[in-house]
N, C-alpha and C. Protein backbone atom coordinates (compact mmCIF):
# COMPACT_ATOMS: atom_id res chain seq x y z
N MET A 1 -177.98 -64.32 -132.16
CA MET A 1 -178.86 -64.64 -131.04
C MET A 1 -179.62 -65.94 -131.32
N TRP A 2 -180.19 -66.03 -132.52
CA TRP A 2 -180.96 -67.22 -132.87
C TRP A 2 -180.07 -68.46 -132.82
N PHE A 3 -178.84 -68.34 -133.33
CA PHE A 3 -177.92 -69.47 -133.34
C PHE A 3 -177.59 -69.93 -131.92
N ALA A 4 -177.36 -68.99 -131.02
CA ALA A 4 -177.07 -69.33 -129.62
C ALA A 4 -178.25 -70.06 -128.99
N TYR A 5 -179.47 -69.61 -129.25
CA TYR A 5 -180.67 -70.25 -128.73
C TYR A 5 -180.78 -71.68 -129.27
N PHE A 6 -180.59 -71.83 -130.58
CA PHE A 6 -180.69 -73.14 -131.22
C PHE A 6 -179.65 -74.11 -130.65
N THR A 7 -178.41 -73.65 -130.52
CA THR A 7 -177.34 -74.48 -129.98
C THR A 7 -177.65 -74.93 -128.56
N THR A 8 -178.15 -74.03 -127.74
CA THR A 8 -178.51 -74.36 -126.36
C THR A 8 -179.62 -75.41 -126.33
N MET A 9 -180.62 -75.25 -127.17
CA MET A 9 -181.74 -76.20 -127.19
C MET A 9 -181.28 -77.59 -127.63
N VAL A 10 -180.41 -77.66 -128.61
CA VAL A 10 -179.89 -78.96 -129.07
C VAL A 10 -179.10 -79.62 -127.94
N ALA A 11 -178.27 -78.86 -127.25
CA ALA A 11 -177.49 -79.40 -126.14
C ALA A 11 -178.39 -79.92 -125.03
N LEU A 12 -179.43 -79.18 -124.69
CA LEU A 12 -180.36 -79.62 -123.64
C LEU A 12 -181.12 -80.87 -124.07
N ALA A 13 -181.51 -80.96 -125.31
CA ALA A 13 -182.22 -82.15 -125.79
C ALA A 13 -181.33 -83.37 -125.72
N THR A 14 -180.04 -83.21 -126.00
CA THR A 14 -179.11 -84.33 -125.92
C THR A 14 -178.99 -84.84 -124.50
N VAL A 15 -178.85 -83.93 -123.53
CA VAL A 15 -178.75 -84.33 -122.12
C VAL A 15 -180.04 -84.99 -121.67
N ALA A 16 -181.18 -84.44 -122.05
CA ALA A 16 -182.47 -84.98 -121.61
C ALA A 16 -182.73 -86.37 -122.15
N SER A 17 -182.25 -86.66 -123.35
CA SER A 17 -182.54 -87.97 -123.94
C SER A 17 -181.55 -89.04 -123.51
N GLY A 18 -180.47 -88.66 -122.84
CA GLY A 18 -179.47 -89.64 -122.44
C GLY A 18 -178.63 -90.06 -123.64
N PHE A 19 -177.98 -91.19 -123.53
CA PHE A 19 -177.14 -91.69 -124.60
C PHE A 19 -177.86 -92.85 -125.26
N ARG A 20 -178.63 -92.52 -126.30
CA ARG A 20 -179.49 -93.51 -126.93
C ARG A 20 -178.70 -94.57 -127.70
N HIS A 21 -177.45 -94.27 -128.04
CA HIS A 21 -176.64 -95.22 -128.81
C HIS A 21 -175.71 -96.02 -127.92
N GLY A 22 -175.85 -95.91 -126.61
CA GLY A 22 -175.00 -96.65 -125.69
C GLY A 22 -174.23 -95.74 -124.77
N ALA A 23 -173.64 -96.35 -123.78
CA ALA A 23 -172.88 -95.58 -122.79
C ALA A 23 -171.62 -95.00 -123.43
N PRO A 24 -171.23 -93.80 -123.03
CA PRO A 24 -169.98 -93.23 -123.55
C PRO A 24 -168.78 -93.83 -122.81
N GLU A 25 -167.62 -93.79 -123.43
CA GLU A 25 -166.41 -94.32 -122.78
C GLU A 25 -166.12 -93.63 -121.46
N SER A 26 -166.57 -92.39 -121.32
CA SER A 26 -166.32 -91.66 -120.07
C SER A 26 -167.03 -92.29 -118.87
N ALA A 27 -168.00 -93.17 -119.12
CA ALA A 27 -168.72 -93.84 -118.04
C ALA A 27 -168.09 -95.18 -117.65
N CYS A 28 -167.03 -95.58 -118.30
CA CYS A 28 -166.45 -96.91 -118.08
C CYS A 28 -166.09 -97.18 -116.62
N LYS A 29 -165.47 -96.26 -115.94
CA LYS A 29 -165.01 -96.51 -114.58
C LYS A 29 -166.16 -96.45 -113.57
N HIS A 30 -166.92 -95.37 -113.57
CA HIS A 30 -167.95 -95.16 -112.54
C HIS A 30 -169.32 -95.71 -112.93
N MET A 31 -169.52 -96.00 -114.22
CA MET A 31 -170.75 -96.60 -114.73
C MET A 31 -171.99 -95.74 -114.50
N THR A 32 -171.82 -94.44 -114.31
CA THR A 32 -172.96 -93.54 -114.11
C THR A 32 -173.27 -92.84 -115.42
N PRO A 33 -174.51 -92.99 -115.92
CA PRO A 33 -174.85 -92.33 -117.18
C PRO A 33 -174.97 -90.82 -117.01
N GLY A 34 -174.76 -90.11 -118.07
CA GLY A 34 -174.88 -88.65 -118.04
C GLY A 34 -176.28 -88.21 -118.39
N HIS A 35 -177.26 -88.67 -117.64
CA HIS A 35 -178.65 -88.36 -117.95
C HIS A 35 -179.14 -87.06 -117.32
N GLY A 36 -178.29 -86.41 -116.54
CA GLY A 36 -178.68 -85.14 -115.95
C GLY A 36 -179.53 -85.27 -114.70
N VAL A 37 -179.75 -86.49 -114.23
CA VAL A 37 -180.49 -86.74 -112.99
C VAL A 37 -179.71 -87.78 -112.18
N PRO A 38 -179.86 -87.77 -110.86
CA PRO A 38 -179.14 -88.77 -110.06
C PRO A 38 -179.76 -90.16 -110.20
N PRO A 39 -178.96 -91.21 -109.91
CA PRO A 39 -179.52 -92.57 -109.94
C PRO A 39 -180.53 -92.77 -108.82
N GLN A 40 -181.33 -93.80 -108.97
CA GLN A 40 -182.31 -94.16 -107.94
C GLN A 40 -181.57 -94.64 -106.69
N SER A 41 -182.15 -94.37 -105.54
CA SER A 41 -181.55 -94.84 -104.28
C SER A 41 -182.37 -95.97 -103.67
N THR A 42 -183.40 -96.40 -104.40
CA THR A 42 -184.25 -97.49 -103.93
C THR A 42 -183.62 -98.84 -104.28
N ILE A 43 -184.16 -99.90 -103.71
CA ILE A 43 -183.70 -101.25 -104.06
C ILE A 43 -184.04 -101.50 -105.53
N PRO A 44 -183.07 -101.91 -106.33
CA PRO A 44 -183.32 -102.11 -107.76
C PRO A 44 -184.30 -103.26 -108.01
N PRO A 45 -185.19 -103.07 -109.00
CA PRO A 45 -186.13 -104.14 -109.33
C PRO A 45 -185.56 -105.12 -110.37
N TYR A 46 -184.26 -105.32 -110.35
CA TYR A 46 -183.58 -106.20 -111.31
C TYR A 46 -182.65 -107.14 -110.57
N VAL A 47 -182.39 -108.29 -111.18
CA VAL A 47 -181.50 -109.30 -110.59
C VAL A 47 -180.49 -109.74 -111.65
N ILE A 48 -179.23 -109.82 -111.25
CA ILE A 48 -178.16 -110.34 -112.12
C ILE A 48 -177.86 -111.76 -111.66
N THR A 49 -178.05 -112.74 -112.56
CA THR A 49 -177.90 -114.14 -112.19
C THR A 49 -176.85 -114.84 -113.05
N PRO A 50 -175.67 -115.11 -112.51
CA PRO A 50 -174.68 -115.90 -113.25
C PRO A 50 -175.15 -117.35 -113.34
N SER A 51 -174.74 -118.04 -114.40
CA SER A 51 -175.17 -119.43 -114.60
C SER A 51 -174.44 -120.41 -113.70
N THR A 52 -173.35 -119.99 -113.09
CA THR A 52 -172.56 -120.88 -112.24
C THR A 52 -171.85 -120.07 -111.16
N LYS A 53 -171.43 -120.74 -110.10
CA LYS A 53 -170.68 -120.08 -109.02
C LYS A 53 -169.18 -120.20 -109.22
N THR A 54 -168.78 -121.13 -110.11
CA THR A 54 -167.37 -121.37 -110.40
C THR A 54 -167.22 -121.60 -111.90
N VAL A 55 -166.18 -121.02 -112.49
CA VAL A 55 -165.92 -121.20 -113.92
C VAL A 55 -164.41 -121.29 -114.13
N LYS A 56 -164.00 -122.10 -115.09
CA LYS A 56 -162.57 -122.21 -115.41
C LYS A 56 -162.17 -121.04 -116.31
N ALA A 57 -160.97 -120.53 -116.09
CA ALA A 57 -160.44 -119.46 -116.93
C ALA A 57 -160.50 -119.88 -118.40
N GLY A 58 -160.94 -118.96 -119.25
CA GLY A 58 -161.05 -119.24 -120.68
C GLY A 58 -162.30 -119.97 -121.09
N THR A 59 -163.17 -120.33 -120.14
CA THR A 59 -164.40 -121.06 -120.43
C THR A 59 -165.61 -120.13 -120.37
N PRO A 60 -166.40 -120.06 -121.44
CA PRO A 60 -167.56 -119.16 -121.44
C PRO A 60 -168.62 -119.58 -120.41
N MET A 61 -169.34 -118.59 -119.91
CA MET A 61 -170.47 -118.83 -119.01
C MET A 61 -171.56 -117.82 -119.36
N GLU A 62 -172.76 -118.10 -118.90
CA GLU A 62 -173.91 -117.23 -119.18
C GLU A 62 -174.23 -116.36 -117.97
N VAL A 63 -174.84 -115.21 -118.25
CA VAL A 63 -175.39 -114.36 -117.20
C VAL A 63 -176.73 -113.83 -117.70
N THR A 64 -177.68 -113.76 -116.78
CA THR A 64 -179.02 -113.27 -117.09
C THR A 64 -179.31 -112.06 -116.22
N ILE A 65 -179.90 -111.05 -116.81
CA ILE A 65 -180.38 -109.89 -116.05
C ILE A 65 -181.87 -109.82 -116.29
N SER A 66 -182.64 -109.80 -115.19
CA SER A 66 -184.10 -109.84 -115.29
C SER A 66 -184.74 -108.80 -114.40
N GLY A 67 -185.86 -108.25 -114.89
CA GLY A 67 -186.71 -107.43 -114.05
C GLY A 67 -187.50 -108.33 -113.13
N LYS A 68 -187.79 -107.85 -111.92
CA LYS A 68 -188.52 -108.67 -110.95
C LYS A 68 -190.00 -108.79 -111.28
N SER A 69 -190.53 -107.89 -112.12
CA SER A 69 -191.92 -107.98 -112.56
C SER A 69 -191.98 -107.62 -114.04
N SER A 70 -193.11 -107.85 -114.66
CA SER A 70 -193.25 -107.56 -116.09
C SER A 70 -193.15 -106.06 -116.38
N LYS A 71 -193.33 -105.22 -115.38
CA LYS A 71 -193.22 -103.76 -115.57
C LYS A 71 -191.76 -103.29 -115.51
N ASP A 72 -190.87 -104.16 -115.04
CA ASP A 72 -189.47 -103.79 -114.86
C ASP A 72 -188.66 -104.15 -116.10
N THR A 73 -188.81 -103.33 -117.13
CA THR A 73 -188.12 -103.58 -118.39
C THR A 73 -186.79 -102.83 -118.43
N ILE A 74 -185.96 -103.26 -119.36
CA ILE A 74 -184.61 -102.71 -119.52
C ILE A 74 -184.58 -101.91 -120.82
N ARG A 75 -184.34 -100.62 -120.70
CA ARG A 75 -184.19 -99.76 -121.88
C ARG A 75 -182.71 -99.54 -122.19
N GLY A 76 -181.92 -99.43 -121.15
CA GLY A 76 -180.49 -99.20 -121.34
C GLY A 76 -179.70 -100.02 -120.34
N ILE A 77 -178.45 -100.31 -120.70
CA ILE A 77 -177.63 -101.14 -119.83
C ILE A 77 -176.15 -100.84 -120.03
N MET A 78 -175.40 -101.03 -118.98
CA MET A 78 -173.95 -101.08 -119.06
C MET A 78 -173.55 -102.21 -118.12
N LEU A 79 -172.89 -103.23 -118.65
CA LEU A 79 -172.54 -104.42 -117.87
C LEU A 79 -171.06 -104.72 -118.02
N GLN A 80 -170.42 -104.97 -116.88
CA GLN A 80 -169.01 -105.34 -116.83
C GLN A 80 -168.83 -106.46 -115.81
N VAL A 81 -167.65 -107.06 -115.84
CA VAL A 81 -167.24 -107.99 -114.79
C VAL A 81 -165.99 -107.39 -114.16
N ARG A 82 -166.01 -107.31 -112.83
CA ARG A 82 -164.88 -106.71 -112.11
C ARG A 82 -164.25 -107.75 -111.19
N GLY A 83 -162.92 -107.76 -111.18
CA GLY A 83 -162.17 -108.63 -110.29
C GLY A 83 -162.06 -108.01 -108.91
N SER A 84 -161.38 -108.70 -108.00
CA SER A 84 -161.23 -108.21 -106.63
C SER A 84 -160.44 -106.90 -106.57
N ASP A 85 -159.67 -106.61 -107.62
CA ASP A 85 -158.93 -105.34 -107.70
C ASP A 85 -159.75 -104.24 -108.36
N ASP A 86 -161.02 -104.51 -108.66
CA ASP A 86 -161.98 -103.59 -109.28
C ASP A 86 -161.66 -103.30 -110.75
N LYS A 87 -160.77 -104.08 -111.37
CA LYS A 87 -160.48 -103.91 -112.79
C LYS A 87 -161.46 -104.73 -113.62
N ILE A 88 -161.78 -104.21 -114.80
CA ILE A 88 -162.68 -104.91 -115.73
C ILE A 88 -161.92 -106.11 -116.30
N VAL A 89 -162.57 -107.27 -116.31
CA VAL A 89 -161.92 -108.48 -116.82
C VAL A 89 -162.84 -109.24 -117.77
N GLY A 90 -162.23 -109.98 -118.69
CA GLY A 90 -162.97 -110.87 -119.58
C GLY A 90 -163.61 -110.15 -120.75
N THR A 91 -164.31 -110.95 -121.56
CA THR A 91 -164.99 -110.41 -122.73
C THR A 91 -166.39 -110.98 -122.84
N PHE A 92 -167.28 -110.17 -123.39
CA PHE A 92 -168.66 -110.57 -123.62
C PHE A 92 -168.87 -110.89 -125.08
N LYS A 93 -169.77 -111.84 -125.32
CA LYS A 93 -170.25 -112.12 -126.66
C LYS A 93 -171.71 -111.70 -126.68
N VAL A 94 -172.05 -110.84 -127.63
CA VAL A 94 -173.43 -110.38 -127.77
C VAL A 94 -173.95 -110.90 -129.10
N ASP A 95 -175.09 -111.55 -129.08
CA ASP A 95 -175.71 -112.07 -130.29
C ASP A 95 -175.94 -110.91 -131.27
N PRO A 96 -175.49 -111.02 -132.51
CA PRO A 96 -175.69 -109.94 -133.48
C PRO A 96 -177.18 -109.61 -133.71
N GLN A 97 -178.05 -110.56 -133.42
CA GLN A 97 -179.49 -110.33 -133.57
C GLN A 97 -180.11 -109.64 -132.36
N ASP A 98 -179.34 -109.42 -131.30
CA ASP A 98 -179.84 -108.76 -130.09
C ASP A 98 -180.29 -107.36 -130.46
N SER A 99 -181.55 -107.04 -130.17
CA SER A 99 -182.12 -105.76 -130.59
C SER A 99 -181.77 -104.60 -129.69
N ILE A 100 -181.23 -104.87 -128.48
CA ILE A 100 -180.95 -103.73 -127.59
C ILE A 100 -179.51 -103.66 -127.09
N SER A 101 -178.67 -104.66 -127.37
CA SER A 101 -177.33 -104.69 -126.77
C SER A 101 -176.23 -104.73 -127.82
N GLN A 102 -175.07 -104.21 -127.42
CA GLN A 102 -173.89 -104.25 -128.27
C GLN A 102 -172.64 -104.26 -127.39
N PRO A 103 -171.56 -104.87 -127.88
CA PRO A 103 -170.31 -104.83 -127.10
C PRO A 103 -169.68 -103.44 -127.23
N MET A 104 -168.91 -103.06 -126.22
CA MET A 104 -168.14 -101.83 -126.32
C MET A 104 -166.77 -102.04 -125.69
N LYS A 105 -165.89 -101.11 -125.93
CA LYS A 105 -164.53 -101.17 -125.40
C LYS A 105 -164.37 -100.14 -124.29
N CYS A 106 -164.01 -100.62 -123.10
CA CYS A 106 -163.57 -99.72 -122.04
C CYS A 106 -162.05 -99.84 -121.94
N ASP A 107 -161.56 -101.00 -121.49
CA ASP A 107 -160.11 -101.27 -121.49
C ASP A 107 -159.71 -102.13 -122.68
N ALA A 108 -160.60 -103.04 -123.08
CA ALA A 108 -160.34 -103.93 -124.22
C ALA A 108 -161.66 -104.16 -124.96
N GLN A 109 -161.58 -104.41 -126.25
CA GLN A 109 -162.79 -104.60 -127.04
C GLN A 109 -163.64 -105.73 -126.47
N GLY A 110 -164.93 -105.45 -126.26
CA GLY A 110 -165.87 -106.46 -125.79
C GLY A 110 -165.86 -106.69 -124.29
N ASP A 111 -165.13 -105.88 -123.52
CA ASP A 111 -165.10 -106.08 -122.07
C ASP A 111 -166.33 -105.51 -121.37
N THR A 112 -167.18 -104.83 -122.11
CA THR A 112 -168.38 -104.19 -121.57
C THR A 112 -169.51 -104.39 -122.56
N VAL A 113 -170.74 -104.48 -122.04
CA VAL A 113 -171.94 -104.50 -122.87
C VAL A 113 -172.69 -103.22 -122.60
N THR A 114 -173.22 -102.61 -123.65
CA THR A 114 -174.07 -101.44 -123.50
C THR A 114 -175.27 -101.58 -124.43
N HIS A 115 -176.20 -100.64 -124.30
CA HIS A 115 -177.39 -100.66 -125.15
C HIS A 115 -177.09 -100.00 -126.49
N LYS A 116 -177.96 -100.25 -127.44
CA LYS A 116 -177.89 -99.55 -128.71
C LYS A 116 -179.25 -98.93 -128.99
N LEU A 117 -179.29 -98.08 -129.97
CA LEU A 117 -180.53 -97.40 -130.32
C LEU A 117 -181.61 -98.43 -130.63
N HIS A 118 -182.75 -98.29 -129.98
CA HIS A 118 -183.88 -99.18 -130.26
C HIS A 118 -185.17 -98.48 -129.89
N ASP A 119 -186.27 -98.98 -130.43
CA ASP A 119 -187.58 -98.44 -130.10
C ASP A 119 -187.98 -98.86 -128.70
N GLU A 120 -188.73 -98.01 -128.04
CA GLU A 120 -189.21 -98.30 -126.69
C GLU A 120 -189.95 -99.63 -126.64
N LYS A 121 -190.64 -99.97 -127.71
CA LYS A 121 -191.39 -101.24 -127.75
C LYS A 121 -190.46 -102.46 -127.68
N ASP A 122 -189.16 -102.24 -127.94
CA ASP A 122 -188.20 -103.34 -127.89
C ASP A 122 -187.53 -103.50 -126.53
N ASP A 123 -187.92 -102.68 -125.53
CA ASP A 123 -187.37 -102.85 -124.18
C ASP A 123 -187.61 -104.30 -123.76
N LYS A 124 -186.68 -104.85 -123.00
CA LYS A 124 -186.74 -106.26 -122.59
C LYS A 124 -186.91 -106.38 -121.08
N GLN A 125 -187.57 -107.45 -120.66
CA GLN A 125 -187.64 -107.75 -119.23
C GLN A 125 -186.44 -108.59 -118.82
N THR A 126 -185.91 -109.36 -119.76
CA THR A 126 -184.77 -110.24 -119.48
C THR A 126 -183.78 -110.16 -120.64
N VAL A 127 -182.50 -110.09 -120.30
CA VAL A 127 -181.44 -110.13 -121.31
C VAL A 127 -180.42 -111.20 -120.91
N TYR A 128 -179.76 -111.78 -121.90
CA TYR A 128 -178.81 -112.86 -121.69
C TYR A 128 -177.50 -112.53 -122.40
N TYR A 129 -176.39 -112.83 -121.74
CA TYR A 129 -175.09 -112.60 -122.34
C TYR A 129 -174.17 -113.77 -122.03
N THR A 130 -173.14 -113.92 -122.86
CA THR A 130 -172.09 -114.90 -122.63
C THR A 130 -170.82 -114.13 -122.29
N TRP A 131 -170.19 -114.51 -121.18
CA TRP A 131 -168.95 -113.87 -120.74
C TRP A 131 -167.87 -114.93 -120.63
N THR A 132 -166.66 -114.58 -121.04
CA THR A 132 -165.52 -115.48 -120.95
C THR A 132 -164.40 -114.83 -120.15
N PRO A 133 -163.99 -115.48 -119.04
CA PRO A 133 -162.84 -114.95 -118.29
C PRO A 133 -161.56 -115.19 -119.09
N PRO A 134 -160.55 -114.35 -118.88
CA PRO A 134 -159.30 -114.54 -119.62
C PRO A 134 -158.60 -115.85 -119.24
N ALA A 135 -157.87 -116.41 -120.19
CA ALA A 135 -157.05 -117.60 -119.91
C ALA A 135 -156.02 -117.23 -118.85
N GLY A 136 -155.77 -118.15 -117.93
CA GLY A 136 -154.77 -117.93 -116.90
C GLY A 136 -155.23 -117.04 -115.76
N TYR A 137 -156.51 -116.70 -115.74
CA TYR A 137 -157.04 -115.79 -114.70
C TYR A 137 -157.53 -116.61 -113.51
N ASN A 138 -157.28 -116.11 -112.30
CA ASN A 138 -157.67 -116.81 -111.08
C ASN A 138 -158.06 -115.76 -110.04
N ASP A 139 -159.37 -115.59 -109.80
CA ASP A 139 -159.83 -114.55 -108.88
C ASP A 139 -161.33 -114.74 -108.65
N ILE A 140 -161.85 -113.96 -107.73
CA ILE A 140 -163.29 -113.87 -107.50
C ILE A 140 -163.77 -112.64 -108.27
N VAL A 141 -164.83 -112.79 -109.05
CA VAL A 141 -165.37 -111.68 -109.84
C VAL A 141 -166.84 -111.47 -109.52
N LYS A 142 -167.34 -110.30 -109.90
CA LYS A 142 -168.77 -110.00 -109.83
C LYS A 142 -169.18 -109.29 -111.10
N PHE A 143 -170.37 -109.64 -111.58
CA PHE A 143 -170.97 -108.88 -112.67
C PHE A 143 -171.51 -107.59 -112.05
N ARG A 144 -171.25 -106.47 -112.70
CA ARG A 144 -171.70 -105.17 -112.19
C ARG A 144 -172.42 -104.44 -113.33
N ALA A 145 -173.58 -103.85 -113.00
CA ALA A 145 -174.39 -103.23 -114.05
C ALA A 145 -175.00 -101.90 -113.63
N THR A 146 -175.23 -101.10 -114.64
CA THR A 146 -176.12 -99.96 -114.55
C THR A 146 -177.30 -100.33 -115.43
N ILE A 147 -178.50 -100.20 -114.91
CA ILE A 147 -179.70 -100.56 -115.68
C ILE A 147 -180.61 -99.35 -115.75
N VAL A 148 -181.02 -99.03 -116.98
CA VAL A 148 -181.89 -97.88 -117.24
C VAL A 148 -183.29 -98.38 -117.56
N LYS A 149 -184.25 -97.93 -116.78
CA LYS A 149 -185.66 -98.24 -117.04
C LYS A 149 -186.25 -97.18 -117.97
N THR A 150 -186.00 -95.92 -117.67
CA THR A 150 -186.33 -94.78 -118.54
C THR A 150 -185.15 -93.82 -118.44
N GLY A 151 -185.14 -92.79 -119.24
CA GLY A 151 -184.04 -91.83 -119.20
C GLY A 151 -183.80 -91.23 -117.83
N GLU A 152 -184.86 -91.10 -117.06
CA GLU A 152 -184.75 -90.48 -115.74
C GLU A 152 -184.73 -91.50 -114.60
N VAL A 153 -184.96 -92.76 -114.88
CA VAL A 153 -185.03 -93.79 -113.84
C VAL A 153 -184.00 -94.88 -114.15
N PHE A 154 -182.94 -94.92 -113.33
CA PHE A 154 -181.89 -95.90 -113.54
C PHE A 154 -181.18 -96.19 -112.22
N TRP A 155 -180.55 -97.36 -112.16
CA TRP A 155 -179.81 -97.81 -110.98
C TRP A 155 -178.37 -98.06 -111.39
N VAL A 156 -177.44 -97.68 -110.52
CA VAL A 156 -176.01 -97.84 -110.79
C VAL A 156 -175.40 -98.79 -109.76
N GLY A 157 -174.51 -99.66 -110.21
CA GLY A 157 -173.75 -100.50 -109.29
C GLY A 157 -174.43 -101.77 -108.83
N LEU A 158 -175.42 -102.28 -109.58
CA LEU A 158 -176.02 -103.57 -109.23
C LEU A 158 -174.95 -104.63 -109.38
N GLU A 159 -174.90 -105.57 -108.44
CA GLU A 159 -173.89 -106.63 -108.51
C GLU A 159 -174.51 -108.01 -108.38
N SER A 160 -173.85 -108.95 -109.02
CA SER A 160 -174.25 -110.36 -108.91
C SER A 160 -173.60 -110.95 -107.67
N ALA A 161 -173.99 -112.18 -107.38
CA ALA A 161 -173.26 -112.97 -106.39
C ALA A 161 -171.86 -113.21 -106.96
N PRO A 162 -170.88 -113.46 -106.11
CA PRO A 162 -169.51 -113.69 -106.60
C PRO A 162 -169.41 -114.98 -107.42
N VAL A 163 -168.51 -114.93 -108.39
CA VAL A 163 -168.19 -116.09 -109.21
C VAL A 163 -166.68 -116.33 -109.08
N LYS A 164 -166.31 -117.56 -108.77
CA LYS A 164 -164.89 -117.91 -108.63
C LYS A 164 -164.36 -118.38 -109.98
N VAL A 165 -163.33 -117.70 -110.46
CA VAL A 165 -162.66 -118.11 -111.70
C VAL A 165 -161.40 -118.87 -111.29
N THR A 166 -161.29 -120.11 -111.78
CA THR A 166 -160.17 -120.98 -111.40
C THR A 166 -159.32 -121.32 -112.63
N LEU A 167 -158.09 -121.75 -112.35
CA LEU A 167 -157.18 -122.16 -113.43
C LEU A 167 -157.50 -123.57 -113.90
């Protein structure tokens, strides 16, 4: 009896705390975290800003994600770039000194950025990443993100303005 109670409590604590070490691979397609609560339906207080509207295939570009006010910090993130066919494309470079972000593999290593374990005091208002479209790629893409403010407060499916990738 005691073991069953203990096991149940550990399982509930895991769900309540979310995925502190980053998004699980099971979230790659739908980008919805398993936090046990639905995403917010309000307008997100975050903006995804690509550094350019056009980029050549194989050429790195920057993207910035920012809270609209100093209270809009980022505790967790899942960021991808999707082509017009909704497939994940390109690779991200994450600074090894970044205190809250790490690359992950959904379809290919580094095609997604997620959060890593960090103290709440390390939450950021703005994060920066470098993304490189694949060589020979030609399409319109959008950066797409899930942003977690707290374990219970998060937005799914935020998108940037379109970026044209040319040959």
